[in-house]
C-alpha atoms as a PDB file:
ATOM      1  CA  UNK A   1       0.000   0.000   0.000  1.00  0.00           C
ATOM      2  CA  UNK A   2       2.734   2.446   0.979  1.00  0.00           C
ATOM      3  CA  UNK A   3       4.709   1.861  -2.178  1.00  0.00           C
ATOM      4  CA  UNK A   4       1.555   2.219  -4.245  1.00  0.00           C
ATOM      5  CA  UNK A   5       0.879   5.648  -2.719  1.00  0.00           C
ATOM      6  CA  UNK A   6       4.407   6.806  -3.467  1.00  0.00           C
ATOM      7  CA  UNK A   7       4.208   5.463  -7.018  1.00  0.00           C
ATOM      8  CA  UNK A   8       0.881   7.266  -7.407  1.00  0.00           C
ATOM      9  CA  UNK A   9       2.414  10.506  -6.099  1.00  0.00           C
ATOM     10  CA  UNK A  10       5.318  10.029  -8.526  1.00  0.00           C
ATOM     11  CA  UNK A  11       2.941   9.502 -11.448  1.00  0.00           C
ATOM     12  CA  UNK A  12       1.042  12.644 -10.486  1.00  0.00           C
ATOM     13  CA  UNK A  13       4.340  14.544 -10.396  1.00  0.00           C
ATOM     14  CA  UNK A  14       5.159  13.485 -13.948  1.00  0.00           C
ATOM     15  CA  UNK A  15       1.624  14.135 -15.227  1.00  0.00           C
ATOM     16  CA  UNK A  16       1.526  17.531 -13.520  1.00  0.00           C
ATOM     17  CA  UNK A  17       4.923  18.411 -14.989  1.00  0.00           C
ATOM     18  CA  UNK A  18       3.805  17.509 -18.516  1.00  0.00           C
ATOM     19  CA  UNK A  19       0.543  19.423 -18.216  1.00  0.00           C
ATOM     20  CA  UNK A  20       2.384  22.362 -16.624  1.00  0.00           C
ATOM     21  CA  UNK A  21       4.879  22.557 -19.468  1.00  0.00           C
ATOM     22  CA  UNK A  22       2.437  22.062 -22.326  1.00  0.00           C
ATOM     23  CA  UNK A  23      -0.491  24.191 -21.218  1.00  0.00           C
ATOM     24  CA  UNK A  24       1.669  26.757 -19.434  1.00  0.00           C
ATOM     25  CA  UNK A  25       3.641  27.340 -22.611  1.00  0.00           C
ATOM     26  CA  UNK A  26       0.535  27.488 -24.750  1.00  0.00           C
ATOM     27  CA  UNK A  27      -1.752  29.557 -22.521  1.00  0.00           C
ATOM     28  CA  UNK A  28       0.605  31.671 -20.430  1.00  0.00           C
ATOM     29  CA  UNK A  29       4.262  31.819 -21.413  1.00  0.00           C
ATOM     30  CA  UNK A  30       3.934  32.240 -25.195  1.00  0.00           C
ATOM     31  CA  UNK A  31       1.242  34.957 -24.966  1.00  0.00           C
ATOM     32  CA  UNK A  32       3.142  36.880 -22.271  1.00  0.00           C
ATOM     33  CA  UNK A  33       6.391  36.695 -24.225  1.00  0.00           C
ATOM     34  CA  UNK A  34       4.646  37.601 -27.472  1.00  0.00           C
ATOM     35  CA  UNK A  35       3.107  40.690 -25.867  1.00  0.00           C
ATOM     36  CA  UNK A  36       6.539  42.285 -25.561  1.00  0.00           C
ATOM     37  CA  UNK A  37       5.190  44.543 -22.820  1.00  0.00           C
ATOM     38  CA  UNK A  38       7.118  45.727 -19.802  1.00  0.00           C
ATOM     39  CA  UNK A  39       9.987  43.456 -18.874  1.00  0.00           C
ATOM     40  CA  UNK A  40       9.040  41.154 -21.783  1.00  0.00           C
ATOM     41  CA  UNK A  41      10.548  43.737 -24.119  1.00  0.00           C
ATOM     42  CA  UNK A  42      13.918  42.433 -22.904  1.00  0.00           C
ATOM     43  CA  UNK A  43      15.174  39.355 -24.776  1.00  0.00           C
ATOM     44  CA  UNK A  44      17.016  37.996 -21.732  1.00  0.00           C
ATOM     45  CA  UNK A  45      13.869  38.269 -19.589  1.00  0.00           C
ATOM     46  CA  UNK A  46      11.882  36.334 -22.201  1.00  0.00           C
ATOM     47  CA  UNK A  47      14.497  33.574 -22.297  1.00  0.00           C
ATOM     48  CA  UNK A  48      14.709  33.351 -18.506  1.00  0.00           C
ATOM     49  CA  UNK A  49      10.929  33.216 -18.118  1.00  0.00           C
ATOM     50  CA  UNK A  50      10.592  30.333 -20.567  1.00  0.00           C
ATOM     51  CA  UNK A  51      13.584  28.499 -19.077  1.00  0.00           C
ATOM     52  CA  UNK A  52      12.345  28.899 -15.485  1.00  0.00           C
ATOM     53  CA  UNK A  53       8.857  27.709 -16.403  1.00  0.00           C
ATOM     54  CA  UNK A  54      10.077  24.509 -17.999  1.00  0.00           C
ATOM     55  CA  UNK A  55      12.807  23.996 -15.394  1.00  0.00           C
ATOM     56  CA  UNK A  56      10.013  23.831 -12.809  1.00  0.00           C
ATOM     57  CA  UNK A  57       8.490  20.984 -14.803  1.00  0.00           C
ATOM     58  CA  UNK A  58      11.840  19.203 -15.006  1.00  0.00           C
ATOM     59  CA  UNK A  59      12.225  19.468 -11.240  1.00  0.00           C
ATOM     60  CA  UNK A  60       8.773  17.947 -10.773  1.00  0.00           C
ATOM     61  CA  UNK A  61       9.879  14.954 -12.822  1.00  0.00           C
ATOM     62  CA  UNK A  62      12.964  14.717 -10.630  1.00  0.00           C
ATOM     63  CA  UNK A  63      10.762  14.714  -7.506  1.00  0.00           C
ATOM     64  CA  UNK A  64       8.694  11.944  -9.097  1.00  0.00           C
ATOM     65  CA  UNK A  65      11.846   9.922  -9.758  1.00  0.00           C
ATOM     66  CA  UNK A  66      12.925  10.382  -6.164  1.00  0.00           C
ATOM     67  CA  UNK A  67       9.537   9.183  -4.907  1.00  0.00           C
ATOM     68  CA  UNK A  68       9.926   6.024  -6.997  1.00  0.00           C
ATOM     69  CA  UNK A  69      13.359   5.474  -5.466  1.00  0.00           C
ATOM     70  CA  UNK A  70      11.997   6.123  -1.974  1.00  0.00           C
ATOM     71  CA  UNK A  71       9.163   3.643  -2.499  1.00  0.00           C
ATOM     72  CA  UNK A  72      11.757   0.903  -2.800  1.00  0.00           C
ATOM     73  CA  UNK A  73      13.486   1.681   0.520  1.00  0.00           C
ATOM     74  CA  UNK A  74      11.219   4.037   2.426  1.00  0.00           C
ATOM     75  CA  UNK A  75      12.751   3.962   5.924  1.00  0.00           C
ATOM     76  CA  UNK A  76      15.939   5.483   4.560  1.00  0.00           C
ATOM     77  CA  UNK A  77      14.028   8.220   2.691  1.00  0.00           C
ATOM     78  CA  UNK A  78      11.022   8.865   4.952  1.00  0.00           C
ATOM     79  CA  UNK A  79      12.106  12.294   6.167  1.00  0.00           C
ATOM     80  CA  UNK A  80      12.591  13.786   2.713  1.00  0.00           C
ATOM     81  CA  UNK A  81       9.381  12.154   1.456  1.00  0.00           C
ATOM     82  CA  UNK A  82       7.549  13.832   4.356  1.00  0.00           C
ATOM     83  CA  UNK A  83       9.071  17.187   3.462  1.00  0.00           C
ATOM     84  CA  UNK A  84       8.050  16.694  -0.171  1.00  0.00           C
ATOM     85  CA  UNK A  85       4.571  15.784   1.034  1.00  0.00           C
ATOM     86  CA  UNK A  86       4.236  18.785   3.350  1.00  0.00           C
ATOM     87  CA  UNK A  87       5.503  21.230   0.739  1.00  0.00           C
ATOM     88  CA  UNK A  88       3.136  19.893  -1.914  1.00  0.00           C
ATOM     89  CA  UNK A  89       0.194  19.799   0.477  1.00  0.00           C
ATOM     90  CA  UNK A  90       0.796  23.390   1.593  1.00  0.00           C
ATOM     91  CA  UNK A  91       1.421  24.633  -1.954  1.00  0.00           C
ATOM     92  CA  UNK A  92      -1.666  22.891  -3.304  1.00  0.00           C
ATOM     93  CA  UNK A  93      -3.959  24.213  -0.582  1.00  0.00           C
ATOM     94  CA  UNK A  94      -2.547  27.732  -0.845  1.00  0.00           C
ATOM     95  CA  UNK A  95      -2.927  27.625  -4.625  1.00  0.00           C
ATOM     96  CA  UNK A  96      -6.531  26.517  -4.253  1.00  0.00           C
ATOM     97  CA  UNK A  97      -7.227  29.219  -1.687  1.00  0.00           C
ATOM     98  CA  UNK A  98      -5.563  32.123  -3.495  1.00  0.00           C
ATOM     99  CA  UNK A  99      -6.998  31.232  -6.904  1.00  0.00           C
ATOM    100  CA  UNK A 100     -10.380  30.395  -5.344  1.00  0.00           C
ATOM    101  CA  UNK A 101     -10.118  26.949  -6.900  1.00  0.00           C
ATOM    102  CA  UNK A 102      -9.815  28.278 -10.458  1.00  0.00           C
ATOM    103  CA  UNK A 103      -6.274  27.033 -11.102  1.00  0.00           C
ATOM    104  CA  UNK A 104      -6.308  23.456 -12.373  1.00  0.00           C
ATOM    105  CA  UNK A 105      -3.051  22.689 -10.597  1.00  0.00           C
ATOM    106  CA  UNK A 106      -4.164  22.797  -6.996  1.00  0.00           C
ATOM    107  CA  UNK A 107      -5.896  19.375  -6.806  1.00  0.00           C
ATOM    108  CA  UNK A 108      -3.009  17.299  -8.199  1.00  0.00           C
ATOM    109  CA  UNK A 109      -0.432  19.243  -6.191  1.00  0.00           C
ATOM    110  CA  UNK A 110      -2.475  18.663  -3.042  1.00  0.00           C
ATOM    111  CA  UNK A 111      -2.877  14.965  -3.849  1.00  0.00           C
ATOM    112  CA  UNK A 112       0.864  14.553  -4.372  1.00  0.00           C
ATOM    113  CA  UNK A 113       1.293  15.895  -0.863  1.00  0.00           C
ATOM    114  CA  UNK A 114      -1.411  13.691   0.634  1.00  0.00           C
ATOM    115  CA  UNK A 115      -0.130  10.516  -1.043  1.00  0.00           C
ATOM    116  CA  UNK A 116       3.500  11.236  -0.107  1.00  0.00           C
ATOM    117  CA  UNK A 117       2.615  12.002   3.509  1.00  0.00           C
ATOM    118  CA  UNK A 118       0.394   8.994   4.029  1.00  0.00           C
ATOM    119  CA  UNK A 119       2.866   6.750   2.255  1.00  0.00           C
ATOM    120  CA  UNK A 120       5.770   8.059   4.327  1.00  0.00           C
ATOM    121  CA  UNK A 121       4.093   7.457   7.678  1.00  0.00           C
ATOM    122  CA  UNK A 122       2.652   4.040   7.001  1.00  0.00           C
ATOM    123  CA  UNK A 123       5.728   2.584   5.401  1.00  0.00           C
ATOM    124  CA  UNK A 124       8.501   3.871   7.635  1.00  0.00           C
END
């Protein structure tokens, strides 16, 4: 059960990263960069914005990979899995609160946190 929860959290990390990159680029990053307004008039700022957006997605995949590794030997990784869980739970709930539930990312981010936390306590 514990491993299944961590594998589920890892899968959600990868799915969230893919959705974040694809739809973020299409609906947010490209239009903002294309506008050329304000700081987006600067070429370096445009490059950094796009890089940072997709780097976030890459880091989510890395977190997912770590959760898969942790699922195979949880006692050794329980503390970091709990931190990952708490951070995702807090971020997801804050995202839901501040966007009044309109951002599609808050449920999967929250679930990553819930699955990681439950998995870390019942398998360690």
